C-alpha atoms as a PDB file:
ATOM      1  CA  UNK A   1      -2.995 -14.771  -6.777  1.00  0.00           C
ATOM      2  CA  UNK A   2      -6.699 -15.564  -6.602  1.00  0.00           C
ATOM      3  CA  UNK A   3      -7.259 -19.350  -6.688  1.00  0.00           C
ATOM      4  CA  UNK A   4     -10.320 -21.604  -6.914  1.00  0.00           C
ATOM      5  CA  UNK A   5      -9.812 -25.241  -5.961  1.00  0.00           C
ATOM      6  CA  UNK A   6     -12.556 -27.739  -6.668  1.00  0.00           C
ATOM      7  CA  UNK A   7     -11.984 -30.967  -4.805  1.00  0.00           C
ATOM      8  CA  UNK A   8      -9.911 -29.071  -2.287  1.00  0.00           C
ATOM      9  CA  UNK A   9      -9.699 -31.852   0.268  1.00  0.00           C
ATOM     10  CA  UNK A  10      -7.913 -34.275  -2.071  1.00  0.00           C
ATOM     11  CA  UNK A  11      -4.312 -34.946  -1.127  1.00  0.00           C
ATOM     12  CA  UNK A  12      -2.888 -33.537  -4.336  1.00  0.00           C
ATOM     13  CA  UNK A  13      -5.021 -30.371  -4.130  1.00  0.00           C
ATOM     14  CA  UNK A  14      -3.961 -29.784  -0.540  1.00  0.00           C
ATOM     15  CA  UNK A  15      -0.306 -30.189  -1.446  1.00  0.00           C
ATOM     16  CA  UNK A  16      -0.636 -27.738  -4.359  1.00  0.00           C
ATOM     17  CA  UNK A  17      -2.493 -25.174  -2.163  1.00  0.00           C
ATOM     18  CA  UNK A  18       0.206 -25.381   0.482  1.00  0.00           C
ATOM     19  CA  UNK A  19       2.856 -24.482  -2.038  1.00  0.00           C
ATOM     20  CA  UNK A  20       0.824 -21.502  -3.326  1.00  0.00           C
ATOM     21  CA  UNK A  21      -0.460 -20.329   0.048  1.00  0.00           C
ATOM     22  CA  UNK A  22       1.724 -17.310   0.848  1.00  0.00           C
ATOM     23  CA  UNK A  23      -0.200 -14.166  -0.048  1.00  0.00           C
ATOM     24  CA  UNK A  24      -2.804 -16.053  -2.075  1.00  0.00           C
ATOM     25  CA  UNK A  25      -6.621 -15.849  -1.748  1.00  0.00           C
ATOM     26  CA  UNK A  26      -8.475 -19.140  -1.972  1.00  0.00           C
ATOM     27  CA  UNK A  27     -12.010 -20.294  -2.701  1.00  0.00           C
ATOM     28  CA  UNK A  28     -12.130 -23.970  -1.687  1.00  0.00           C
ATOM     29  CA  UNK A  29     -14.884 -26.345  -2.830  1.00  0.00           C
ATOM     30  CA  UNK A  30     -15.537 -29.887  -1.553  1.00  0.00           C
ATOM     31  CA  UNK A  31     -18.368 -31.963  -0.025  1.00  0.00           C
ATOM     32  CA  UNK A  32     -17.039 -32.324   3.554  1.00  0.00           C
ATOM     33  CA  UNK A  33     -17.376 -29.194   5.644  1.00  0.00           C
ATOM     34  CA  UNK A  34     -15.202 -30.582   8.439  1.00  0.00           C
ATOM     35  CA  UNK A  35     -12.324 -31.455   6.105  1.00  0.00           C
ATOM     36  CA  UNK A  36     -12.656 -28.146   4.235  1.00  0.00           C
ATOM     37  CA  UNK A  37     -12.322 -26.208   7.476  1.00  0.00           C
ATOM     38  CA  UNK A  38      -9.175 -28.137   8.353  1.00  0.00           C
ATOM     39  CA  UNK A  39      -7.648 -27.289   4.975  1.00  0.00           C
ATOM     40  CA  UNK A  40      -8.658 -23.642   5.338  1.00  0.00           C
ATOM     41  CA  UNK A  41      -7.047 -23.397   8.764  1.00  0.00           C
ATOM     42  CA  UNK A  42      -3.829 -24.931   7.493  1.00  0.00           C
ATOM     43  CA  UNK A  43      -3.628 -22.505   4.556  1.00  0.00           C
ATOM     44  CA  UNK A  44      -4.238 -19.517   6.820  1.00  0.00           C
ATOM     45  CA  UNK A  45      -1.382 -20.636   9.055  1.00  0.00           C
ATOM     46  CA  UNK A  46       0.826 -20.888   5.936  1.00  0.00           C
ATOM     47  CA  UNK A  47       0.235 -17.269   5.005  1.00  0.00           C
ATOM     48  CA  UNK A  48      -2.882 -17.193   2.829  1.00  0.00           C
ATOM     49  CA  UNK A  49      -4.463 -13.722   2.774  1.00  0.00           C
ATOM     50  CA  UNK A  50      -8.021 -15.077   2.796  1.00  0.00           C
ATOM     51  CA  UNK A  51      -9.701 -18.492   2.553  1.00  0.00           C
ATOM     52  CA  UNK A  52     -13.367 -19.011   1.755  1.00  0.00           C
ATOM     53  CA  UNK A  53     -14.989 -22.460   1.753  1.00  0.00           C
ATOM     54  CA  UNK A  54     -18.042 -23.771  -0.047  1.00  0.00           C
ATOM     55  CA  UNK A  55     -19.663 -27.185   0.544  1.00  0.00           C
ATOM     56  CA  UNK A  56     -21.358 -28.833  -2.419  1.00  0.00           C
ATOM     57  CA  UNK A  57     -21.990 -32.270  -3.904  1.00  0.00           C
ATOM     58  CA  UNK A  58     -20.440 -31.993  -7.347  1.00  0.00           C
ATOM     59  CA  UNK A  59     -22.746 -34.693  -8.645  1.00  0.00           C
ATOM     60  CA  UNK A  60     -25.516 -32.137  -8.359  1.00  0.00           C
ATOM     61  CA  UNK A  61     -24.735 -30.444 -11.645  1.00  0.00           C
ATOM     62  CA  UNK A  62     -27.488 -27.853 -11.077  1.00  0.00           C
ATOM     63  CA  UNK A  63     -25.357 -26.397  -8.315  1.00  0.00           C
ATOM     64  CA  UNK A  64     -22.279 -25.849 -10.466  1.00  0.00           C
ATOM     65  CA  UNK A  65     -23.189 -22.423 -11.824  1.00  0.00           C
ATOM     66  CA  UNK A  66     -24.176 -21.089  -8.376  1.00  0.00           C
ATOM     67  CA  UNK A  67     -20.918 -22.410  -6.898  1.00  0.00           C
ATOM     68  CA  UNK A  68     -18.845 -20.705  -9.543  1.00  0.00           C
ATOM     69  CA  UNK A  69     -20.939 -17.518  -9.272  1.00  0.00           C
ATOM     70  CA  UNK A  70     -20.023 -17.361  -5.585  1.00  0.00           C
ATOM     71  CA  UNK A  71     -16.355 -18.065  -6.320  1.00  0.00           C
ATOM     72  CA  UNK A  72     -16.041 -15.212  -8.798  1.00  0.00           C
ATOM     73  CA  UNK A  73     -18.117 -12.851  -6.628  1.00  0.00           C
ATOM     74  CA  UNK A  74     -15.841 -13.613  -3.686  1.00  0.00           C
ATOM     75  CA  UNK A  75     -12.467 -13.330  -5.452  1.00  0.00           C
ATOM     76  CA  UNK A  76     -13.293 -10.955  -8.332  1.00  0.00           C
ATOM     77  CA  UNK A  77     -10.561 -11.730 -10.876  1.00  0.00           C
ATOM     78  CA  UNK A  78      -9.586 -15.397 -10.830  1.00  0.00           C
ATOM     79  CA  UNK A  79      -6.007 -16.366 -11.790  1.00  0.00           C
ATOM     80  CA  UNK A  80      -6.050 -20.118 -11.309  1.00  0.00           C
ATOM     81  CA  UNK A  81      -8.693 -22.833 -11.070  1.00  0.00           C
ATOM     82  CA  UNK A  82      -7.578 -26.322 -10.074  1.00  0.00           C
ATOM     83  CA  UNK A  83     -10.017 -29.231 -10.643  1.00  0.00           C
ATOM     84  CA  UNK A  84      -8.964 -32.130  -8.476  1.00  0.00           C
ATOM     85  CA  UNK A  85     -12.096 -34.046  -7.572  1.00  0.00           C
ATOM     86  CA  UNK A  86     -12.872 -37.624  -8.474  1.00  0.00           C
ATOM     87  CA  UNK A  87     -13.119 -41.183  -7.253  1.00  0.00           C
ATOM     88  CA  UNK A  88     -11.394 -44.471  -7.958  1.00  0.00           C
ATOM     89  CA  UNK A  89     -14.461 -46.637  -8.263  1.00  0.00           C
ATOM     90  CA  UNK A  90     -15.106 -50.306  -7.892  1.00  0.00           C
ATOM     91  CA  UNK A  91     -14.515 -51.823 -11.303  1.00  0.00           C
ATOM     92  CA  UNK A  92     -16.221 -55.117 -10.443  1.00  0.00           C
ATOM     93  CA  UNK A  93     -19.345 -53.230  -9.277  1.00  0.00           C
ATOM     94  CA  UNK A  94     -19.300 -51.313 -12.574  1.00  0.00           C
ATOM     95  CA  UNK A  95     -19.141 -54.564 -14.494  1.00  0.00           C
ATOM     96  CA  UNK A  96     -22.266 -55.797 -12.754  1.00  0.00           C
ATOM     97  CA  UNK A  97     -24.290 -52.541 -12.864  1.00  0.00           C
ATOM     98  CA  UNK A  98     -24.644 -49.791 -15.413  1.00  0.00           C
ATOM     99  CA  UNK A  99     -25.872 -47.543 -12.569  1.00  0.00           C
ATOM    100  CA  UNK A 100     -22.412 -47.872 -10.930  1.00  0.00           C
ATOM    101  CA  UNK A 101     -20.716 -47.216 -14.278  1.00  0.00           C
ATOM    102  CA  UNK A 102     -22.854 -44.167 -14.889  1.00  0.00           C
ATOM    103  CA  UNK A 103     -22.044 -42.809 -11.426  1.00  0.00           C
ATOM    104  CA  UNK A 104     -18.305 -43.167 -12.060  1.00  0.00           C
ATOM    105  CA  UNK A 105     -18.566 -41.470 -15.430  1.00  0.00           C
ATOM    106  CA  UNK A 106     -20.658 -38.646 -13.943  1.00  0.00           C
ATOM    107  CA  UNK A 107     -18.097 -38.151 -11.179  1.00  0.00           C
ATOM    108  CA  UNK A 108     -14.850 -38.439 -13.141  1.00  0.00           C
ATOM    109  CA  UNK A 109     -15.918 -37.074 -16.550  1.00  0.00           C
ATOM    110  CA  UNK A 110     -19.295 -35.377 -16.842  1.00  0.00           C
ATOM    111  CA  UNK A 111     -18.923 -33.260 -13.683  1.00  0.00           C
ATOM    112  CA  UNK A 112     -15.580 -32.042 -15.022  1.00  0.00           C
ATOM    113  CA  UNK A 113     -17.177 -31.192 -18.375  1.00  0.00           C
ATOM    114  CA  UNK A 114     -19.954 -29.314 -16.646  1.00  0.00           C
ATOM    115  CA  UNK A 115     -17.537 -27.227 -14.605  1.00  0.00           C
ATOM    116  CA  UNK A 116     -15.158 -26.609 -17.505  1.00  0.00           C
ATOM    117  CA  UNK A 117     -17.940 -25.421 -19.764  1.00  0.00           C
ATOM    118  CA  UNK A 118     -18.928 -22.676 -17.364  1.00  0.00           C
ATOM    119  CA  UNK A 119     -15.360 -21.863 -16.392  1.00  0.00           C
ATOM    120  CA  UNK A 120     -14.261 -21.557 -20.032  1.00  0.00           C
ATOM    121  CA  UNK A 121     -16.919 -18.954 -20.768  1.00  0.00           C
ATOM    122  CA  UNK A 122     -16.111 -16.938 -17.644  1.00  0.00           C
ATOM    123  CA  UNK A 123     -12.364 -16.899 -18.317  1.00  0.00           C
ATOM    124  CA  UNK A 124     -12.882 -16.045 -21.986  1.00  0.00           C
ATOM    125  CA  UNK A 125     -14.815 -12.987 -20.810  1.00  0.00           C
ATOM    126  CA  UNK A 126     -12.075 -12.233 -18.311  1.00  0.00           C
ATOM    127  CA  UNK A 127      -9.394 -12.857 -21.002  1.00  0.00           C
ATOM    128  CA  UNK A 128      -7.009 -14.142 -18.371  1.00  0.00           C
ATOM    129  CA  UNK A 129      -6.387 -17.137 -16.159  1.00  0.00           C
ATOM    130  CA  UNK A 130      -5.239 -20.760 -16.009  1.00  0.00           C
ATOM    131  CA  UNK A 131      -7.280 -23.930 -15.544  1.00  0.00           C
ATOM    132  CA  UNK A 132      -5.440 -26.981 -14.324  1.00  0.00           C
ATOM    133  CA  UNK A 133      -7.223 -30.355 -14.480  1.00  0.00           C
ATOM    134  CA  UNK A 134      -5.960 -33.366 -12.543  1.00  0.00           C
ATOM    135  CA  UNK A 135      -6.470 -36.470 -14.675  1.00  0.00           C
ATOM    136  CA  UNK A 136      -4.459 -39.697 -14.647  1.00  0.00           C
ATOM    137  CA  UNK A 137      -2.048 -41.754 -16.721  1.00  0.00           C
ATOM    138  CA  UNK A 138      -4.835 -44.319 -16.577  1.00  0.00           C
ATOM    139  CA  UNK A 139      -6.564 -42.432 -19.349  1.00  0.00           C
ATOM    140  CA  UNK A 140      -3.847 -43.302 -21.865  1.00  0.00           C
ATOM    141  CA  UNK A 141      -5.112 -46.874 -22.410  1.00  0.00           C
ATOM    142  CA  UNK A 142      -8.023 -49.024 -21.335  1.00  0.00           C
ATOM    143  CA  UNK A 143      -6.677 -51.391 -18.734  1.00  0.00           C
ATOM    144  CA  UNK A 144      -8.321 -53.644 -16.153  1.00  0.00           C
ATOM    145  CA  UNK A 145     -10.149 -50.729 -14.432  1.00  0.00           C
ATOM    146  CA  UNK A 146     -11.452 -49.683 -17.801  1.00  0.00           C
ATOM    147  CA  UNK A 147     -14.363 -47.533 -16.542  1.00  0.00           C
ATOM    148  CA  UNK A 148     -11.951 -45.279 -14.662  1.00  0.00           C
ATOM    149  CA  UNK A 149      -9.590 -45.330 -17.661  1.00  0.00           C
ATOM    150  CA  UNK A 150     -12.411 -44.323 -20.003  1.00  0.00           C
ATOM    151  CA  UNK A 151     -13.429 -41.374 -17.801  1.00  0.00           C
ATOM    152  CA  UNK A 152      -9.856 -40.078 -17.554  1.00  0.00           C
ATOM    153  CA  UNK A 153      -9.220 -40.635 -21.251  1.00  0.00           C
ATOM    154  CA  UNK A 154     -12.359 -38.742 -22.193  1.00  0.00           C
ATOM    155  CA  UNK A 155     -11.421 -35.893 -19.866  1.00  0.00           C
ATOM    156  CA  UNK A 156      -8.003 -35.611 -21.482  1.00  0.00           C
ATOM    157  CA  UNK A 157      -9.501 -35.458 -24.996  1.00  0.00           C
ATOM    158  CA  UNK A 158     -12.087 -32.860 -23.904  1.00  0.00           C
ATOM    159  CA  UNK A 159      -9.328 -30.739 -22.381  1.00  0.00           C
ATOM    160  CA  UNK A 160      -7.221 -31.055 -25.518  1.00  0.00           C
ATOM    161  CA  UNK A 161     -10.025 -29.564 -27.643  1.00  0.00           C
ATOM    162  CA  UNK A 162     -10.954 -26.922 -25.088  1.00  0.00           C
ATOM    163  CA  UNK A 163      -7.297 -25.820 -24.847  1.00  0.00           C
ATOM    164  CA  UNK A 164      -7.349 -24.835 -28.530  1.00  0.00           C
ATOM    165  CA  UNK A 165     -10.475 -22.742 -27.972  1.00  0.00           C
ATOM    166  CA  UNK A 166      -9.123 -21.018 -24.856  1.00  0.00           C
ATOM    167  CA  UNK A 167      -5.723 -20.241 -26.358  1.00  0.00           C
ATOM    168  CA  UNK A 168      -7.277 -17.733 -28.760  1.00  0.00           C
ATOM    169  CA  UNK A 169      -8.622 -15.768 -25.775  1.00  0.00           C
ATOM    170  CA  UNK A 170      -5.489 -15.605 -23.587  1.00  0.00           C
ATOM    171  CA  UNK A 171      -6.583 -18.448 -21.273  1.00  0.00           C
ATOM    172  CA  UNK A 172      -4.430 -21.431 -20.557  1.00  0.00           C
ATOM    173  CA  UNK A 173      -5.418 -25.048 -19.733  1.00  0.00           C
ATOM    174  CA  UNK A 174      -3.045 -27.580 -18.192  1.00  0.00           C
ATOM    175  CA  UNK A 175      -3.861 -31.304 -18.255  1.00  0.00           C
ATOM    176  CA  UNK A 176      -2.128 -33.167 -15.398  1.00  0.00           C
ATOM    177  CA  UNK A 177      -1.488 -36.891 -15.593  1.00  0.00           C
ATOM    178  CA  UNK A 178      -0.112 -38.278 -12.306  1.00  0.00           C
ATOM    179  CA  UNK A 179       1.070 -41.840 -11.976  1.00  0.00           C
ATOM    180  CA  UNK A 180       0.818 -43.701  -8.676  1.00  0.00           C
ATOM    181  CA  UNK A 181       0.447 -41.274  -5.757  1.00  0.00           C
ATOM    182  CA  UNK A 182       0.276 -42.134  -2.021  1.00  0.00           C
ATOM    183  CA  UNK A 183      -3.210 -40.838  -1.125  1.00  0.00           C
ATOM    184  CA  UNK A 184      -6.173 -42.139   0.876  1.00  0.00           C
ATOM    185  CA  UNK A 185      -7.672 -43.178  -2.470  1.00  0.00           C
ATOM    186  CA  UNK A 186      -4.751 -45.583  -3.173  1.00  0.00           C
ATOM    187  CA  UNK A 187      -4.135 -46.708   0.448  1.00  0.00           C
ATOM    188  CA  UNK A 188      -5.499 -50.197  -0.296  1.00  0.00           C
ATOM    189  CA  UNK A 189      -2.944 -50.784  -3.084  1.00  0.00           C
ATOM    190  CA  UNK A 190       0.388 -52.519  -2.618  1.00  0.00           C
ATOM    191  CA  UNK A 191       2.649 -49.453  -2.907  1.00  0.00           C
ATOM    192  CA  UNK A 192       5.918 -50.108  -4.674  1.00  0.00           C
ATOM    193  CA  UNK A 193       8.792 -47.919  -5.814  1.00  0.00           C
ATOM    194  CA  UNK A 194       6.723 -46.122  -8.454  1.00  0.00           C
ATOM    195  CA  UNK A 195       4.482 -44.510  -5.794  1.00  0.00           C
ATOM    196  CA  UNK A 196       5.347 -40.922  -4.840  1.00  0.00           C
ATOM    197  CA  UNK A 197       4.082 -38.440  -2.356  1.00  0.00           C
ATOM    198  CA  UNK A 198       1.401 -35.768  -3.123  1.00  0.00           C
ATOM    199  CA  UNK A 199       4.094 -33.151  -2.324  1.00  0.00           C
ATOM    200  CA  UNK A 200       6.296 -34.446  -5.177  1.00  0.00           C
ATOM    201  CA  UNK A 201       3.352 -34.216  -7.581  1.00  0.00           C
ATOM    202  CA  UNK A 202       2.420 -30.762  -6.300  1.00  0.00           C
ATOM    203  CA  UNK A 203       5.882 -29.442  -6.948  1.00  0.00           C
ATOM    204  CA  UNK A 204       5.648 -30.526 -10.585  1.00  0.00           C
ATOM    205  CA  UNK A 205       2.148 -29.093 -10.926  1.00  0.00           C
ATOM    206  CA  UNK A 206       3.109 -25.657  -9.603  1.00  0.00           C
ATOM    207  CA  UNK A 207       6.129 -25.577 -11.897  1.00  0.00           C
ATOM    208  CA  UNK A 208       3.971 -26.571 -14.890  1.00  0.00           C
ATOM    209  CA  UNK A 209       1.401 -23.841 -14.062  1.00  0.00           C
ATOM    210  CA  UNK A 210       4.110 -21.168 -13.939  1.00  0.00           C
ATOM    211  CA  UNK A 211       5.664 -22.428 -17.190  1.00  0.00           C
ATOM    212  CA  UNK A 212       2.248 -22.643 -18.902  1.00  0.00           C
ATOM    213  CA  UNK A 213       2.740 -26.210 -19.950  1.00  0.00           C
ATOM    214  CA  UNK A 214      -0.049 -27.908 -21.815  1.00  0.00           C
ATOM    215  CA  UNK A 215       0.453 -31.480 -20.553  1.00  0.00           C
ATOM    216  CA  UNK A 216       2.240 -32.752 -17.458  1.00  0.00           C
ATOM    217  CA  UNK A 217       3.131 -36.332 -16.710  1.00  0.00           C
ATOM    218  CA  UNK A 218       4.209 -36.509 -13.064  1.00  0.00           C
ATOM    219  CA  UNK A 219       6.682 -37.754 -12.092  1.00  0.00           C
ATOM    220  CA  UNK A 220       8.383 -37.237 -15.478  1.00  0.00           C
ATOM    221  CA  UNK A 221       9.134 -40.904 -16.135  1.00  0.00           C
ATOM    222  CA  UNK A 222       5.432 -41.714 -16.556  1.00  0.00           C
ATOM    223  CA  UNK A 223       5.560 -40.126 -20.015  1.00  0.00           C
ATOM    224  CA  UNK A 224       7.908 -42.852 -21.156  1.00  0.00           C
ATOM    225  CA  UNK A 225       6.201 -45.648 -19.232  1.00  0.00           C
ATOM    226  CA  UNK A 226       2.885 -44.792 -20.869  1.00  0.00           C
ATOM    227  CA  UNK A 227       4.501 -44.432 -24.292  1.00  0.00           C
ATOM    228  CA  UNK A 228       5.649 -48.029 -23.907  1.00  0.00           C
ATOM    229  CA  UNK A 229       2.195 -49.140 -22.695  1.00  0.00           C
ATOM    230  CA  UNK A 230       0.462 -47.414 -25.620  1.00  0.00           C
ATOM    231  CA  UNK A 231       2.899 -49.030 -28.085  1.00  0.00           C
ATOM    232  CA  UNK A 232       1.996 -52.603 -27.064  1.00  0.00           C
ATOM    233  CA  UNK A 233       0.084 -54.440 -29.808  1.00  0.00           C
ATOM    234  CA  UNK A 234      -3.565 -55.071 -28.878  1.00  0.00           C
ATOM    235  CA  UNK A 235      -3.134 -58.816 -29.287  1.00  0.00           C
ATOM    236  CA  UNK A 236      -0.466 -58.832 -26.592  1.00  0.00           C
ATOM    237  CA  UNK A 237      -2.051 -56.085 -24.464  1.00  0.00           C
ATOM    238  CA  UNK A 238      -5.362 -57.897 -23.997  1.00  0.00           C
ATOM    239  CA  UNK A 239      -3.511 -60.849 -22.430  1.00  0.00           C
ATOM    240  CA  UNK A 240      -1.839 -58.674 -19.752  1.00  0.00           C
ATOM    241  CA  UNK A 241      -3.305 -58.437 -16.248  1.00  0.00           C
ATOM    242  CA  UNK A 242      -2.634 -54.822 -15.216  1.00  0.00           C
END
């Protein structure tokens, strides 16, 4: 299997790559060369046939086409692309500054749209492959961190429309909606019983990829939690503090 992972140093991406490592070829993209090399070494030890790394700031949209050019040139046919980059921004800073809000939307939504637009055209030409996009249950309703919620919600809607287009060309798109995951990004949260490990989420993701699922809530119970959250009347919901 030939795999491209964008945001390869994220905890979820690393856990997915580890499960897929035996006999796979990887093209890993992230902004930290040191962390990328550590991930590459780990995958090689786990049985990957080849691992290529590429350092890029994904907020530089002008570099997206060149990055994907190199990925496809390196791997040839691409079977799976995992998009797992993003940030959990400072909501209070966003409330005080549109510049902060714009940066969060560029990181968590527009950069994904830029990459998906190019990837879709490439895979349509290839007539084969799967794209898996890591979103969040936060996108199901605008809560306290509403800038982050808006970015994830917009990503999910974009993927929903793109999935219909890709289906006609033999290409599959999986939208992934994790709940609370124990990662460096959530380390400052009070972590209760709903938090799970990246490895648990990765197991569900790999299973969903093989089964060609369209939408994955992980762990499974988040589908029902978010159904309840979405069902709350707006008059009640706006009074809640989460």
